[in-house]
Amino acid sequence: MSDTEQGTARGKIGEQIFAQVEALVSAEGITRTEAFQRIAIQRGSRAGTVAANYYRIARLKGDGVLRPRGRKKTTGNDVEAAIERATTALNEIAELVREQGRELDRLSEKMQQIEKLRALLAE
């Protein structure tokens, strides 16, 4: 279906979706997510595509609809703390690997002893 078949001008889809979402949310008291899903079904598209169009227009309008994203800025202290945790974890892993090596050596010695006993019993 072309844009003209849907009665839309090219580049106006986002604005129309924004208006539809706002109308559904205010008229029916549903969440934006529910509105995205309904509009996606009507348009034959994905809810994520509808949401992307909505939020693109919301950012352009600066309507205060958007909450700040969950990313926080890192400081030098945060980075240093992360490096310290990673270093500690790597040191613990290295010690575990060394322990496993010692255990394998002990088991290898035991296997040699068992093989000697088997050889004696086979005589």
PDB file of N, CA and C in Angstrom:
ATOM      1  N   MET A   1       0.829  -1.179   0.000  1.00  0.00           N
ATOM      2  CA  MET A   1       0.000   0.000   0.000  1.00  0.00           C
ATOM      3  C   MET A   1       0.871   1.238   0.000  1.00  0.00           C
ATOM      4  N   SER A   2       0.579   2.211  -0.866  1.00  0.00           N
ATOM      5  CA  SER A   2       1.368   3.438  -0.893  1.00  0.00           C
ATOM      6  C   SER A   2       0.832   4.418   0.137  1.00  0.00           C
ATOM      7  N   ASP A   3       1.625   5.455   0.385  1.00  0.00           N
ATOM      8  CA  ASP A   3       1.208   6.467   1.349  1.00  0.00           C
ATOM      9  C   ASP A   3      -0.082   7.147   0.915  1.00  0.00           C
ATOM     10  N   THR A   4      -0.229   7.376  -0.404  1.00  0.00           N
ATOM     11  CA  THR A   4      -1.432   8.054  -0.873  1.00  0.00           C
ATOM     12  C   THR A   4      -2.654   7.160  -0.734  1.00  0.00           C
ATOM     13  N   GLU A   5      -2.454   5.831  -0.846  1.00  0.00           N
ATOM     14  CA  GLU A   5      -3.588   4.919  -0.668  1.00  0.00           C
ATOM     15  C   GLU A   5      -4.080   4.961   0.769  1.00  0.00           C
ATOM     16  N   GLN A   6      -3.186   5.187   1.719  1.00  0.00           N
ATOM     17  CA  GLN A   6      -3.579   5.253   3.118  1.00  0.00           C
ATOM     18  C   GLN A   6      -4.071   6.656   3.473  1.00  0.00           C
ATOM     19  N   GLY A   7      -3.996   7.569   2.537  1.00  0.00           N
ATOM     20  CA  GLY A   7      -4.441   8.929   2.799  1.00  0.00           C
ATOM     21  C   GLY A   7      -3.425   9.719   3.599  1.00  0.00           C
ATOM     22  N   THR A   8      -2.167   9.359   3.478  1.00  0.00           N
ATOM     23  CA  THR A   8      -1.138  10.067   4.229  1.00  0.00           C
ATOM     24  C   THR A   8      -0.139  10.668   3.274  1.00  0.00           C
ATOM     25  N   ALA A   9       0.403  11.793   3.648  1.00  0.00           N
ATOM     26  CA  ALA A   9       1.470  12.401   2.865  1.00  0.00           C
ATOM     27  C   ALA A   9       2.788  11.864   3.389  1.00  0.00           C
ATOM     28  N   ARG A  10       3.723  11.707   2.475  1.00  0.00           N
ATOM     29  CA  ARG A  10       5.035  11.181   2.866  1.00  0.00           C
ATOM     30  C   ARG A  10       5.642  12.073   3.950  1.00  0.00           C
ATOM     31  N   GLY A  11       6.172  11.433   4.999  1.00  0.00           N
ATOM     32  CA  GLY A  11       6.786  12.179   6.084  1.00  0.00           C
ATOM     33  C   GLY A  11       5.823  12.578   7.184  1.00  0.00           C
ATOM     34  N   LYS A  12       4.569  12.284   7.028  1.00  0.00           N
ATOM     35  CA  LYS A  12       3.564  12.657   8.028  1.00  0.00           C
ATOM     36  C   LYS A  12       3.100  11.475   8.879  1.00  0.00           C
ATOM     37  N   ILE A  13       3.618  10.290   8.598  1.00  0.00           N
ATOM     38  CA  ILE A  13       3.173   9.092   9.307  1.00  0.00           C
ATOM     39  C   ILE A  13       3.465   9.211  10.798  1.00  0.00           C
ATOM     40  N   GLY A  14       4.655   9.674  11.136  1.00  0.00           N
ATOM     41  CA  GLY A  14       5.020   9.810  12.541  1.00  0.00           C
ATOM     42  C   GLY A  14       4.074  10.741  13.281  1.00  0.00           C
ATOM     43  N   GLU A  15       3.752  11.859  12.657  1.00  0.00           N
ATOM     44  CA  GLU A  15       2.837  12.810  13.283  1.00  0.00           C
ATOM     45  C   GLU A  15       1.445  12.207  13.456  1.00  0.00           C
ATOM     46  N   GLN A  16       1.004  11.441  12.465  1.00  0.00           N
ATOM     47  CA  GLN A  16      -0.303  10.801  12.565  1.00  0.00           C
ATOM     48  C   GLN A  16      -0.317   9.747  13.674  1.00  0.00           C
ATOM     49  N   ILE A  17       0.757   8.974  13.743  1.00  0.00           N
ATOM     50  CA  ILE A  17       0.844   7.954  14.792  1.00  0.00           C
ATOM     51  C   ILE A  17       0.857   8.627  16.157  1.00  0.00           C
ATOM     52  N   PHE A  18       1.628   9.703  16.283  1.00  0.00           N
ATOM     53  CA  PHE A  18       1.672  10.438  17.543  1.00  0.00           C
ATOM     54  C   PHE A  18       0.267  10.881  17.951  1.00  0.00           C
ATOM     55  N   ALA A  19      -0.453  11.459  17.006  1.00  0.00           N
ATOM     56  CA  ALA A  19      -1.815  11.939  17.284  1.00  0.00           C
ATOM     57  C   ALA A  19      -2.738  10.781  17.659  1.00  0.00           C
ATOM     58  N   GLN A  20      -2.627   9.659  16.947  1.00  0.00           N
ATOM     59  CA  GLN A  20      -3.475   8.502  17.243  1.00  0.00           C
ATOM     60  C   GLN A  20      -3.199   7.967  18.651  1.00  0.00           C
ATOM     61  N   VAL A  21      -1.927   7.857  18.994  1.00  0.00           N
ATOM     62  CA  VAL A  21      -1.565   7.341  20.320  1.00  0.00           C
ATOM     63  C   VAL A  21      -2.107   8.270  21.392  1.00  0.00           C
ATOM     64  N   GLU A  22      -1.875   9.558  21.234  1.00  0.00           N
ATOM     65  CA  GLU A  22      -2.346  10.526  22.227  1.00  0.00           C
ATOM     66  C   GLU A  22      -3.866  10.462  22.364  1.00  0.00           C
ATOM     67  N   ALA A  23      -4.564  10.325  21.242  1.00  0.00           N
ATOM     68  CA  ALA A  23      -6.023  10.255  21.281  1.00  0.00           C
ATOM     69  C   ALA A  23      -6.489   8.994  22.015  1.00  0.00           C
ATOM     70  N   LEU A  24      -5.885   7.848  21.708  1.00  0.00           N
ATOM     71  CA  LEU A  24      -6.276   6.601  22.375  1.00  0.00           C
ATOM     72  C   LEU A  24      -5.996   6.655  23.869  1.00  0.00           C
ATOM     73  N   VAL A  25      -4.838   7.155  24.226  1.00  0.00           N
ATOM     74  CA  VAL A  25      -4.458   7.211  25.641  1.00  0.00           C
ATOM     75  C   VAL A  25      -5.411   8.112  26.415  1.00  0.00           C
ATOM     76  N   SER A  26      -5.732   9.271  25.862  1.00  0.00           N
ATOM     77  CA  SER A  26      -6.611  10.190  26.594  1.00  0.00           C
ATOM     78  C   SER A  26      -8.071   9.749  26.551  1.00  0.00           C
ATOM     79  N   ALA A  27      -8.525   9.219  25.428  1.00  0.00           N
ATOM     80  CA  ALA A  27      -9.940   8.846  25.302  1.00  0.00           C
ATOM     81  C   ALA A  27     -10.271   7.566  26.052  1.00  0.00           C
ATOM     82  N   GLU A  28      -9.379   6.580  25.993  1.00  0.00           N
ATOM     83  CA  GLU A  28      -9.692   5.279  26.568  1.00  0.00           C
ATOM     84  C   GLU A  28      -8.929   4.980  27.853  1.00  0.00           C
ATOM     85  N   GLY A  29      -8.008   5.840  28.187  1.00  0.00           N
ATOM     86  CA  GLY A  29      -7.235   5.642  29.409  1.00  0.00           C
ATOM     87  C   GLY A  29      -6.332   4.418  29.374  1.00  0.00           C
ATOM     88  N   ILE A  30      -5.879   4.043  28.178  1.00  0.00           N
ATOM     89  CA  ILE A  30      -4.990   2.886  28.056  1.00  0.00           C
ATOM     90  C   ILE A  30      -3.539   3.364  28.094  1.00  0.00           C
ATOM     91  N   THR A  31      -2.631   2.442  28.239  1.00  0.00           N
ATOM     92  CA  THR A  31      -1.216   2.807  28.246  1.00  0.00           C
ATOM     93  C   THR A  31      -0.740   3.038  26.813  1.00  0.00           C
ATOM     94  N   ARG A  32       0.398   3.695  26.693  1.00  0.00           N
ATOM     95  CA  ARG A  32       0.959   3.917  25.365  1.00  0.00           C
ATOM     96  C   ARG A  32       1.286   2.574  24.698  1.00  0.00           C
ATOM     97  N   THR A  33       1.793   1.634  25.492  1.00  0.00           N
ATOM     98  CA  THR A  33       2.139   0.323  24.935  1.00  0.00           C
ATOM     99  C   THR A  33       0.924  -0.338  24.303  1.00  0.00           C
ATOM    100  N   GLU A  34      -0.208  -0.266  24.994  1.00  0.00           N
ATOM    101  CA  GLU A  34      -1.441  -0.832  24.434  1.00  0.00           C
ATOM    102  C   GLU A  34      -1.846  -0.089  23.161  1.00  0.00           C
ATOM    103  N   ALA A  35      -1.683   1.223  23.175  1.00  0.00           N
ATOM    104  CA  ALA A  35      -2.012   2.020  21.989  1.00  0.00           C
ATOM    105  C   ALA A  35      -1.101   1.647  20.823  1.00  0.00           C
ATOM    106  N   PHE A  36       0.200   1.450  21.109  1.00  0.00           N
ATOM    107  CA  PHE A  36       1.132   1.054  20.057  1.00  0.00           C
ATOM    108  C   PHE A  36       0.684  -0.258  19.427  1.00  0.00           C
ATOM    109  N   GLN A  37       0.270  -1.195  20.265  1.00  0.00           N
ATOM    110  CA  GLN A  37      -0.152  -2.509  19.763  1.00  0.00           C
ATOM    111  C   GLN A  37      -1.401  -2.389  18.898  1.00  0.00           C
ATOM    112  N   ARG A  38      -2.362  -1.617  19.332  1.00  0.00           N
ATOM    113  CA  ARG A  38      -3.599  -1.456  18.551  1.00  0.00           C
ATOM    114  C   ARG A  38      -3.312  -0.812  17.197  1.00  0.00           C
ATOM    115  N   ILE A  39      -2.543   0.246  17.232  1.00  0.00           N
ATOM    116  CA  ILE A  39      -2.249   0.964  15.990  1.00  0.00           C
ATOM    117  C   ILE A  39      -1.433   0.081  15.054  1.00  0.00           C
ATOM    118  N   ALA A  40      -0.530  -0.708  15.607  1.00  0.00           N
ATOM    119  CA  ALA A  40       0.271  -1.622  14.781  1.00  0.00           C
ATOM    120  C   ALA A  40      -0.627  -2.610  14.065  1.00  0.00           C
ATOM    121  N   ILE A  41      -1.606  -3.134  14.757  1.00  0.00           N
ATOM    122  CA  ILE A  41      -2.545  -4.083  14.134  1.00  0.00           C
ATOM    123  C   ILE A  41      -3.312  -3.381  13.006  1.00  0.00           C
ATOM    124  N   GLN A  42      -3.785  -2.177  13.264  1.00  0.00           N
ATOM    125  CA  GLN A  42      -4.529  -1.423  12.252  1.00  0.00           C
ATOM    126  C   GLN A  42      -3.667  -1.132  11.023  1.00  0.00           C
ATOM    127  N   ARG A  43      -2.406  -0.797  11.252  1.00  0.00           N
ATOM    128  CA  ARG A  43      -1.515  -0.409  10.155  1.00  0.00           C
ATOM    129  C   ARG A  43      -0.841  -1.608   9.499  1.00  0.00           C
ATOM    130  N   GLY A  44      -0.929  -2.770  10.148  1.00  0.00           N
ATOM    131  CA  GLY A  44      -0.251  -3.944   9.616  1.00  0.00           C
ATOM    132  C   GLY A  44       1.260  -3.846   9.798  1.00  0.00           C
ATOM    133  N   SER A  45       1.663  -3.262  10.917  1.00  0.00           N
ATOM    134  CA  SER A  45       3.094  -3.126  11.197  1.00  0.00           C
ATOM    135  C   SER A  45       3.375  -3.662  12.590  1.00  0.00           C
ATOM    136  N   ARG A  46       4.581  -3.458  13.040  1.00  0.00           N
ATOM    137  CA  ARG A  46       4.975  -3.932  14.365  1.00  0.00           C
ATOM    138  C   ARG A  46       4.784  -2.830  15.391  1.00  0.00           C
ATOM    139  N   ALA A  47       4.503  -3.252  16.632  1.00  0.00           N
ATOM    140  CA  ALA A  47       4.322  -2.284  17.712  1.00  0.00           C
ATOM    141  C   ALA A  47       5.603  -1.472  17.927  1.00  0.00           C
ATOM    142  N   GLY A  48       6.756  -2.096  17.751  1.00  0.00           N
ATOM    143  CA  GLY A  48       8.021  -1.388  17.909  1.00  0.00           C
ATOM    144  C   GLY A  48       8.201  -0.279  16.891  1.00  0.00           C
ATOM    145  N   THR A  49       7.712  -0.506  15.683  1.00  0.00           N
ATOM    146  CA  THR A  49       7.793   0.515  14.636  1.00  0.00           C
ATOM    147  C   THR A  49       6.899   1.699  14.983  1.00  0.00           C
ATOM    148  N   VAL A  50       5.717   1.382  15.483  1.00  0.00           N
ATOM    149  CA  VAL A  50       4.783   2.434  15.895  1.00  0.00           C
ATOM    150  C   VAL A  50       5.390   3.231  17.047  1.00  0.00           C
ATOM    151  N   ALA A  51       5.952   2.521  18.024  1.00  0.00           N
ATOM    152  CA  ALA A  51       6.565   3.188  19.171  1.00  0.00           C
ATOM    153  C   ALA A  51       7.724   4.082  18.729  1.00  0.00           C
ATOM    154  N   ALA A  52       8.539   3.597  17.810  1.00  0.00           N
ATOM    155  CA  ALA A  52       9.676   4.381  17.327  1.00  0.00           C
ATOM    156  C   ALA A  52       9.196   5.671  16.671  1.00  0.00           C
ATOM    157  N   ASN A  53       8.145   5.571  15.862  1.00  0.00           N
ATOM    158  CA  ASN A  53       7.575   6.769  15.231  1.00  0.00           C
ATOM    159  C   ASN A  53       7.038   7.734  16.280  1.00  0.00           C
ATOM    160  N   TYR A  54       6.328   7.206  17.263  1.00  0.00           N
ATOM    161  CA  TYR A  54       5.744   8.036  18.318  1.00  0.00           C
ATOM    162  C   TYR A  54       6.836   8.796  19.067  1.00  0.00           C
ATOM    163  N   TYR A  55       7.861   8.066  19.531  1.00  0.00           N
ATOM    164  CA  TYR A  55       8.890   8.694  20.350  1.00  0.00           C
ATOM    165  C   TYR A  55       9.779   9.645  19.543  1.00  0.00           C
ATOM    166  N   ARG A  56       9.922   9.392  18.245  1.00  0.00           N
ATOM    167  CA  ARG A  56      10.672  10.314  17.405  1.00  0.00           C
ATOM    168  C   ARG A  56       9.971  11.671  17.381  1.00  0.00           C
ATOM    169  N   ILE A  57       8.668  11.646  17.200  1.00  0.00           N
ATOM    170  CA  ILE A  57       7.895  12.894  17.170  1.00  0.00           C
ATOM    171  C   ILE A  57       7.850  13.520  18.564  1.00  0.00           C
ATOM    172  N   ALA A  58       7.707  12.696  19.595  1.00  0.00           N
ATOM    173  CA  ALA A  58       7.669  13.222  20.965  1.00  0.00           C
ATOM    174  C   ALA A  58       8.968  13.968  21.290  1.00  0.00           C
ATOM    175  N   ARG A  59      10.096  13.417  20.855  1.00  0.00           N
ATOM    176  CA  ARG A  59      11.375  14.099  21.097  1.00  0.00           C
ATOM    177  C   ARG A  59      11.428  15.429  20.340  1.00  0.00           C
ATOM    178  N   LEU A  60      10.927  15.415  19.103  1.00  0.00           N
ATOM    179  CA  LEU A  60      10.925  16.648  18.311  1.00  0.00           C
ATOM    180  C   LEU A  60      10.048  17.716  18.946  1.00  0.00           C
ATOM    181  N   LYS A  61       8.912  17.301  19.477  1.00  0.00           N
ATOM    182  CA  LYS A  61       7.980  18.242  20.085  1.00  0.00           C
ATOM    183  C   LYS A  61       8.459  18.705  21.455  1.00  0.00           C
ATOM    184  N   GLY A  62       9.235  17.860  22.127  1.00  0.00           N
ATOM    185  CA  GLY A  62       9.685  18.205  23.475  1.00  0.00           C
ATOM    186  C   GLY A  62       8.527  18.365  24.429  1.00  0.00           C
ATOM    187  N   ASP A  63       7.527  17.491  24.310  1.00  0.00           N
ATOM    188  CA  ASP A  63       6.308  17.597  25.109  1.00  0.00           C
ATOM    189  C   ASP A  63       6.453  17.141  26.556  1.00  0.00           C
ATOM    190  N   GLY A  64       7.615  16.737  26.946  1.00  0.00           N
ATOM    191  CA  GLY A  64       7.772  16.228  28.302  1.00  0.00           C
ATOM    192  C   GLY A  64       7.200  14.835  28.470  1.00  0.00           C
ATOM    193  N   VAL A  65       6.888  14.186  27.359  1.00  0.00           N
ATOM    194  CA  VAL A  65       6.323  12.840  27.380  1.00  0.00           C
ATOM    195  C   VAL A  65       7.391  11.819  27.762  1.00  0.00           C
ATOM    196  N   LEU A  66       8.608  12.113  27.404  1.00  0.00           N
ATOM    197  CA  LEU A  66       9.691  11.152  27.588  1.00  0.00           C
ATOM    198  C   LEU A  66      10.328  11.290  28.963  1.00  0.00           C
ATOM    199  N   ARG A  67      10.595  10.157  29.553  1.00  0.00           N
ATOM    200  CA  ARG A  67      11.365  10.130  30.793  1.00  0.00           C
ATOM    201  C   ARG A  67      12.830  10.019  30.408  1.00  0.00           C
ATOM    202  N   PRO A  68      13.705  10.506  31.262  1.00  0.00           N
ATOM    203  CA  PRO A  68      15.130  10.356  30.953  1.00  0.00           C
ATOM    204  C   PRO A  68      15.486   8.883  30.817  1.00  0.00           C
ATOM    205  N   ARG A  69      16.407   8.590  29.930  1.00  0.00           N
ATOM    206  CA  ARG A  69      16.831   7.213  29.732  1.00  0.00           C
ATOM    207  C   ARG A  69      17.579   6.720  30.958  1.00  0.00           C
ATOM    208  N   GLY A  70      17.617   5.410  31.126  1.00  0.00           N
ATOM    209  CA  GLY A  70      18.200   4.802  32.303  1.00  0.00           C
ATOM    210  C   GLY A  70      19.706   4.830  32.376  1.00  0.00           C
ATOM    211  N   ARG A  71      20.366   5.333  31.383  1.00  0.00           N
ATOM    212  CA  ARG A  71      21.821   5.354  31.406  1.00  0.00           C
ATOM    213  C   ARG A  71      22.305   6.479  32.299  1.00  0.00           C
ATOM    214  N   LYS A  72      23.308   6.161  33.090  1.00  0.00           N
ATOM    215  CA  LYS A  72      23.876   7.219  33.911  1.00  0.00           C
ATOM    216  C   LYS A  72      25.312   7.461  33.466  1.00  0.00           C
ATOM    217  N   LYS A  73      25.750   8.654  33.679  1.00  0.00           N
ATOM    218  CA  LYS A  73      27.111   8.991  33.306  1.00  0.00           C
ATOM    219  C   LYS A  73      28.053   8.363  34.316  1.00  0.00           C
ATOM    220  N   THR A  74      29.155   7.862  33.816  1.00  0.00           N
ATOM    221  CA  THR A  74      30.132   7.262  34.705  1.00  0.00           C
ATOM    222  C   THR A  74      31.176   8.291  35.076  1.00  0.00           C
ATOM    223  N   THR A  75      31.671   8.149  36.270  1.00  0.00           N
ATOM    224  CA  THR A  75      32.736   9.034  36.723  1.00  0.00           C
ATOM    225  C   THR A  75      34.017   8.228  36.799  1.00  0.00           C
ATOM    226  N   GLY A  76      35.101   8.913  37.030  1.00  0.00           N
ATOM    227  CA  GLY A  76      36.376   8.234  37.186  1.00  0.00           C
ATOM    228  C   GLY A  76      36.329   7.231  38.329  1.00  0.00           C
ATOM    229  N   ASN A  77      35.616   7.575  39.408  1.00  0.00           N
ATOM    230  CA  ASN A  77      35.507   6.670  40.549  1.00  0.00           C
ATOM    231  C   ASN A  77      34.758   5.398  40.175  1.00  0.00           C
ATOM    232  N   ASP A  78      33.701   5.538  39.360  1.00  0.00           N
ATOM    233  CA  ASP A  78      32.939   4.365  38.920  1.00  0.00           C
ATOM    234  C   ASP A  78      33.828   3.431  38.104  1.00  0.00           C
ATOM    235  N   VAL A  79      34.614   4.007  37.219  1.00  0.00           N
ATOM    236  CA  VAL A  79      35.495   3.216  36.361  1.00  0.00           C
ATOM    237  C   VAL A  79      36.556   2.523  37.212  1.00  0.00           C
ATOM    238  N   GLU A  80      37.140   3.268  38.132  1.00  0.00           N
ATOM    239  CA  GLU A  80      38.160   2.681  39.002  1.00  0.00           C
ATOM    240  C   GLU A  80      37.583   1.547  39.835  1.00  0.00           C
ATOM    241  N   ALA A  81      36.378   1.736  40.349  1.00  0.00           N
ATOM    242  CA  ALA A  81      35.733   0.692  41.150  1.00  0.00           C
ATOM    243  C   ALA A  81      35.455  -0.545  40.296  1.00  0.00           C
ATOM    244  N   ALA A  82      35.023  -0.341  39.062  1.00  0.00           N
ATOM    245  CA  ALA A  82      34.758  -1.471  38.164  1.00  0.00           C
ATOM    246  C   ALA A  82      36.044  -2.221  37.856  1.00  0.00           C
ATOM    247  N   ILE A  83      37.116  -1.479  37.634  1.00  0.00           N
ATOM    248  CA  ILE A  83      38.411  -2.117  37.366  1.00  0.00           C
ATOM    249  C   ILE A  83      38.866  -2.905  38.586  1.00  0.00           C
ATOM    250  N   GLU A  84      38.673  -2.342  39.762  1.00  0.00           N
ATOM    251  CA  GLU A  84      39.059  -3.029  41.006  1.00  0.00           C
ATOM    252  C   GLU A  84      38.277  -4.330  41.168  1.00  0.00           C
ATOM    253  N   ARG A  85      36.957  -4.278  40.910  1.00  0.00           N
ATOM    254  CA  ARG A  85      36.130  -5.504  41.018  1.00  0.00           C
ATOM    255  C   ARG A  85      36.573  -6.539  39.997  1.00  0.00           C
ATOM    256  N   ALA A  86      36.865  -6.093  38.782  1.00  0.00           N
ATOM    257  CA  ALA A  86      37.300  -7.021  37.733  1.00  0.00           C
ATOM    258  C   ALA A  86      38.648  -7.646  38.090  1.00  0.00           C
ATOM    259  N   THR A  87      39.547  -6.850  38.617  1.00  0.00           N
ATOM    260  CA  THR A  87      40.862  -7.361  39.013  1.00  0.00           C
ATOM    261  C   THR A  87      40.725  -8.395  40.121  1.00  0.00           C
ATOM    262  N   THR A  88      39.891  -8.095  41.108  1.00  0.00           N
ATOM    263  CA  THR A  88      39.662  -9.035  42.207  1.00  0.00           C
ATOM    264  C   THR A  88      39.085 -10.344  41.674  1.00  0.00           C
ATOM    265  N   ALA A  89      38.109 -10.234  40.784  1.00  0.00           N
ATOM    266  CA  ALA A  89      37.490 -11.433  40.214  1.00  0.00           C
ATOM    267  C   ALA A  89      38.511 -12.250  39.420  1.00  0.00           C
ATOM    268  N   LEU A  90      39.346 -11.583  38.643  1.00  0.00           N
ATOM    269  CA  LEU A  90      40.367 -12.291  37.860  1.00  0.00           C
ATOM    270  C   LEU A  90      41.387 -12.975  38.769  1.00  0.00           C
ATOM    271  N   ASN A  91      41.762 -12.315  39.841  1.00  0.00           N
ATOM    272  CA  ASN A  91      42.695 -12.932  40.794  1.00  0.00           C
ATOM    273  C   ASN A  91      42.078 -14.172  41.436  1.00  0.00           C
ATOM    274  N   GLU A  92      40.793 -14.101  41.767  1.00  0.00           N
ATOM    275  CA  GLU A  92      40.108 -15.260  42.346  1.00  0.00           C
ATOM    276  C   GLU A  92      40.063 -16.407  41.347  1.00  0.00           C
ATOM    277  N   ILE A  93      39.787 -16.098  40.105  1.00  0.00           N
ATOM    278  CA  ILE A  93      39.749 -17.130  39.063  1.00  0.00           C
ATOM    279  C   ILE A  93      41.132 -17.752  38.888  1.00  0.00           C
ATOM    280  N   ALA A  94      42.156 -16.925  38.880  1.00  0.00           N
ATOM    281  CA  ALA A  94      43.525 -17.437  38.729  1.00  0.00           C
ATOM    282  C   ALA A  94      43.864 -18.383  39.870  1.00  0.00           C
ATOM    283  N   GLU A  95      43.481 -18.034  41.093  1.00  0.00           N
ATOM    284  CA  GLU A  95      43.750 -18.914  42.242  1.00  0.00           C
ATOM    285  C   GLU A  95      42.993 -20.235  42.102  1.00  0.00           C
ATOM    286  N   LEU A  96      41.756 -20.177  41.644  1.00  0.00           N
ATOM    287  CA  LEU A  96      40.988 -21.406  41.434  1.00  0.00           C
ATOM    288  C   LEU A  96      41.646 -22.299  40.382  1.00  0.00           C
ATOM    289  N   VAL A  97      42.163 -21.700  39.328  1.00  0.00           N
ATOM    290  CA  VAL A  97      42.845 -22.469  38.277  1.00  0.00           C
ATOM    291  C   VAL A  97      44.106 -23.119  38.852  1.00  0.00           C
ATOM    292  N   ARG A  98      44.859 -22.369  39.666  1.00  0.00           N
ATOM    293  CA  ARG A  98      46.056 -22.946  40.298  1.00  0.00           C
ATOM    294  C   ARG A  98      45.674 -24.115  41.211  1.00  0.00           C
ATOM    295  N   GLU A  99      44.592 -23.948  41.969  1.00  0.00           N
ATOM    296  CA  GLU A  99      44.109 -25.028  42.849  1.00  0.00           C
ATOM    297  C   GLU A  99      43.747 -26.265  42.032  1.00  0.00           C
ATOM    298  N   GLN A 100      43.068 -26.053  40.919  1.00  0.00           N
ATOM    299  CA  GLN A 100      42.703 -27.183  40.060  1.00  0.00           C
ATOM    300  C   GLN A 100      43.948 -27.881  39.534  1.00  0.00           C
ATOM    301  N   GLY A 101      44.964 -27.108  39.179  1.00  0.00           N
ATOM    302  CA  GLY A 101      46.215 -27.694  38.709  1.00  0.00           C
ATOM    303  C   GLY A 101      46.848 -28.564  39.775  1.00  0.00           C
ATOM    304  N   ARG A 102      46.868 -28.081  41.016  1.00  0.00           N
ATOM    305  CA  ARG A 102      47.434 -28.876  42.117  1.00  0.00           C
ATOM    306  C   ARG A 102      46.628 -30.146  42.340  1.00  0.00           C
ATOM    307  N   GLU A 103      45.314 -30.021  42.261  1.00  0.00           N
ATOM    308  CA  GLU A 103      44.449 -31.196  42.436  1.00  0.00           C
ATOM    309  C   GLU A 103      44.678 -32.214  41.323  1.00  0.00           C
ATOM    310  N   LEU A 104      44.832 -31.741  40.097  1.00  0.00           N
ATOM    311  CA  LEU A 104      45.113 -32.648  38.975  1.00  0.00           C
ATOM    312  C   LEU A 104      46.445 -33.367  39.173  1.00  0.00           C
ATOM    313  N   ASP A 105      47.435 -32.656  39.687  1.00  0.00           N
ATOM    314  CA  ASP A 105      48.730 -33.293  39.971  1.00  0.00           C
ATOM    315  C   ASP A 105      48.565 -34.403  41.015  1.00  0.00           C
ATOM    316  N   ARG A 106      47.801 -34.120  42.080  1.00  0.00           N
ATOM    317  CA  ARG A 106      47.557 -35.134  43.123  1.00  0.00           C
ATOM    318  C   ARG A 106      46.836 -36.348  42.543  1.00  0.00           C
ATOM    319  N   LEU A 107      45.842 -36.078  41.721  1.00  0.00           N
ATOM    320  CA  LEU A 107      45.089 -37.183  41.122  1.00  0.00           C
ATOM    321  C   LEU A 107      45.965 -37.997  40.172  1.00  0.00           C
ATOM    322  N   SER A 108      46.842 -37.321  39.455  1.00  0.00           N
ATOM    323  CA  SER A 108      47.751 -38.015  38.553  1.00  0.00           C
ATOM    324  C   SER A 108      48.679 -38.943  39.334  1.00  0.00           C
ATOM    325  N   GLU A 109      49.179 -38.475  40.472  1.00  0.00           N
ATOM    326  CA  GLU A 109      50.023 -39.316  41.322  1.00  0.00           C
ATOM    327  C   GLU A 109      49.248 -40.533  41.821  1.00  0.00           C
ATOM    328  N   LYS A 110      48.013 -40.311  42.226  1.00  0.00           N
ATOM    329  CA  LYS A 110      47.176 -41.417  42.702  1.00  0.00           C
ATOM    330  C   LYS A 110      46.957 -42.441  41.586  1.00  0.00           C
ATOM    331  N   MET A 111      46.722 -41.948  40.366  1.00  0.00           N
ATOM    332  CA  MET A 111      46.517 -42.861  39.237  1.00  0.00           C
ATOM    333  C   MET A 111      47.772 -43.701  38.978  1.00  0.00           C
ATOM    334  N   GLN A 112      48.935 -43.070  39.112  1.00  0.00           N
ATOM    335  CA  GLN A 112      50.184 -43.817  38.935  1.00  0.00           C
ATOM    336  C   GLN A 112      50.306 -44.912  39.995  1.00  0.00           C
ATOM    337  N   GLN A 113      49.915 -44.589  41.228  1.00  0.00           N
ATOM    338  CA  GLN A 113      49.958 -45.589  42.295  1.00  0.00           C
ATOM    339  C   GLN A 113      48.987 -46.735  42.014  1.00  0.00           C
ATOM    340  N   ILE A 114      47.806 -46.400  41.535  1.00  0.00           N
ATOM    341  CA  ILE A 114      46.802 -47.419  41.219  1.00  0.00           C
ATOM    342  C   ILE A 114      47.311 -48.315  40.096  1.00  0.00           C
ATOM    343  N   GLU A 115      47.918 -47.723  39.076  1.00  0.00           N
ATOM    344  CA  GLU A 115      48.451 -48.513  37.963  1.00  0.00           C
ATOM    345  C   GLU A 115      49.547 -49.472  38.452  1.00  0.00           C
ATOM    346  N   LYS A 116      50.400 -49.027  39.381  1.00  0.00           N
ATOM    347  CA  LYS A 116      51.436 -49.892  39.943  1.00  0.00           C
ATOM    348  C   LYS A 116      50.799 -51.059  40.692  1.00  0.00           C
ATOM    349  N   LEU A 117      49.755 -50.758  41.469  1.00  0.00           N
ATOM    350  CA  LEU A 117      49.050 -51.832  42.196  1.00  0.00           C
ATOM    351  C   LEU A 117      48.408 -52.823  41.238  1.00  0.00           C
ATOM    352  N   ARG A 118      47.816 -52.339  40.193  1.00  0.00           N
ATOM    353  CA  ARG A 118      47.203 -53.221  39.195  1.00  0.00           C
ATOM    354  C   ARG A 118      48.269 -54.139  38.566  1.00  0.00           C
ATOM    355  N   ALA A 119      49.391 -53.539  38.249  1.00  0.00           N
ATOM    356  CA  ALA A 119      50.465 -54.332  37.642  1.00  0.00           C
ATOM    357  C   ALA A 119      50.932 -55.415  38.604  1.00  0.00           C
ATOM    358  N   LEU A 120      51.053 -55.102  39.911  1.00  0.00           N
ATOM    359  CA  LEU A 120      51.459 -56.085  40.909  1.00  0.00           C
ATOM    360  C   LEU A 120      50.426 -57.200  41.037  1.00  0.00           C
ATOM    361  N   LEU A 121      49.130 -56.807  41.001  1.00  0.00           N
ATOM    362  CA  LEU A 121      48.066 -57.809  41.148  1.00  0.00           C
ATOM    363  C   LEU A 121      47.962 -58.697  39.909  1.00  0.00           C
ATOM    364  N   ALA A 122      48.315 -58.173  38.766  1.00  0.00           N
ATOM    365  CA  ALA A 122      48.226 -58.938  37.530  1.00  0.00           C
ATOM    366  C   ALA A 122      49.324 -59.989  37.429  1.00  0.00           C
ATOM    367  N   GLU A 123      50.403 -59.862  38.202  1.00  0.00           N
ATOM    368  CA  GLU A 123      51.509 -60.839  38.134  1.00  0.00           C
ATOM    369  C   GLU A 123      51.139 -62.148  38.653  1.00  0.00           C
TER     370      GLU A 123
END
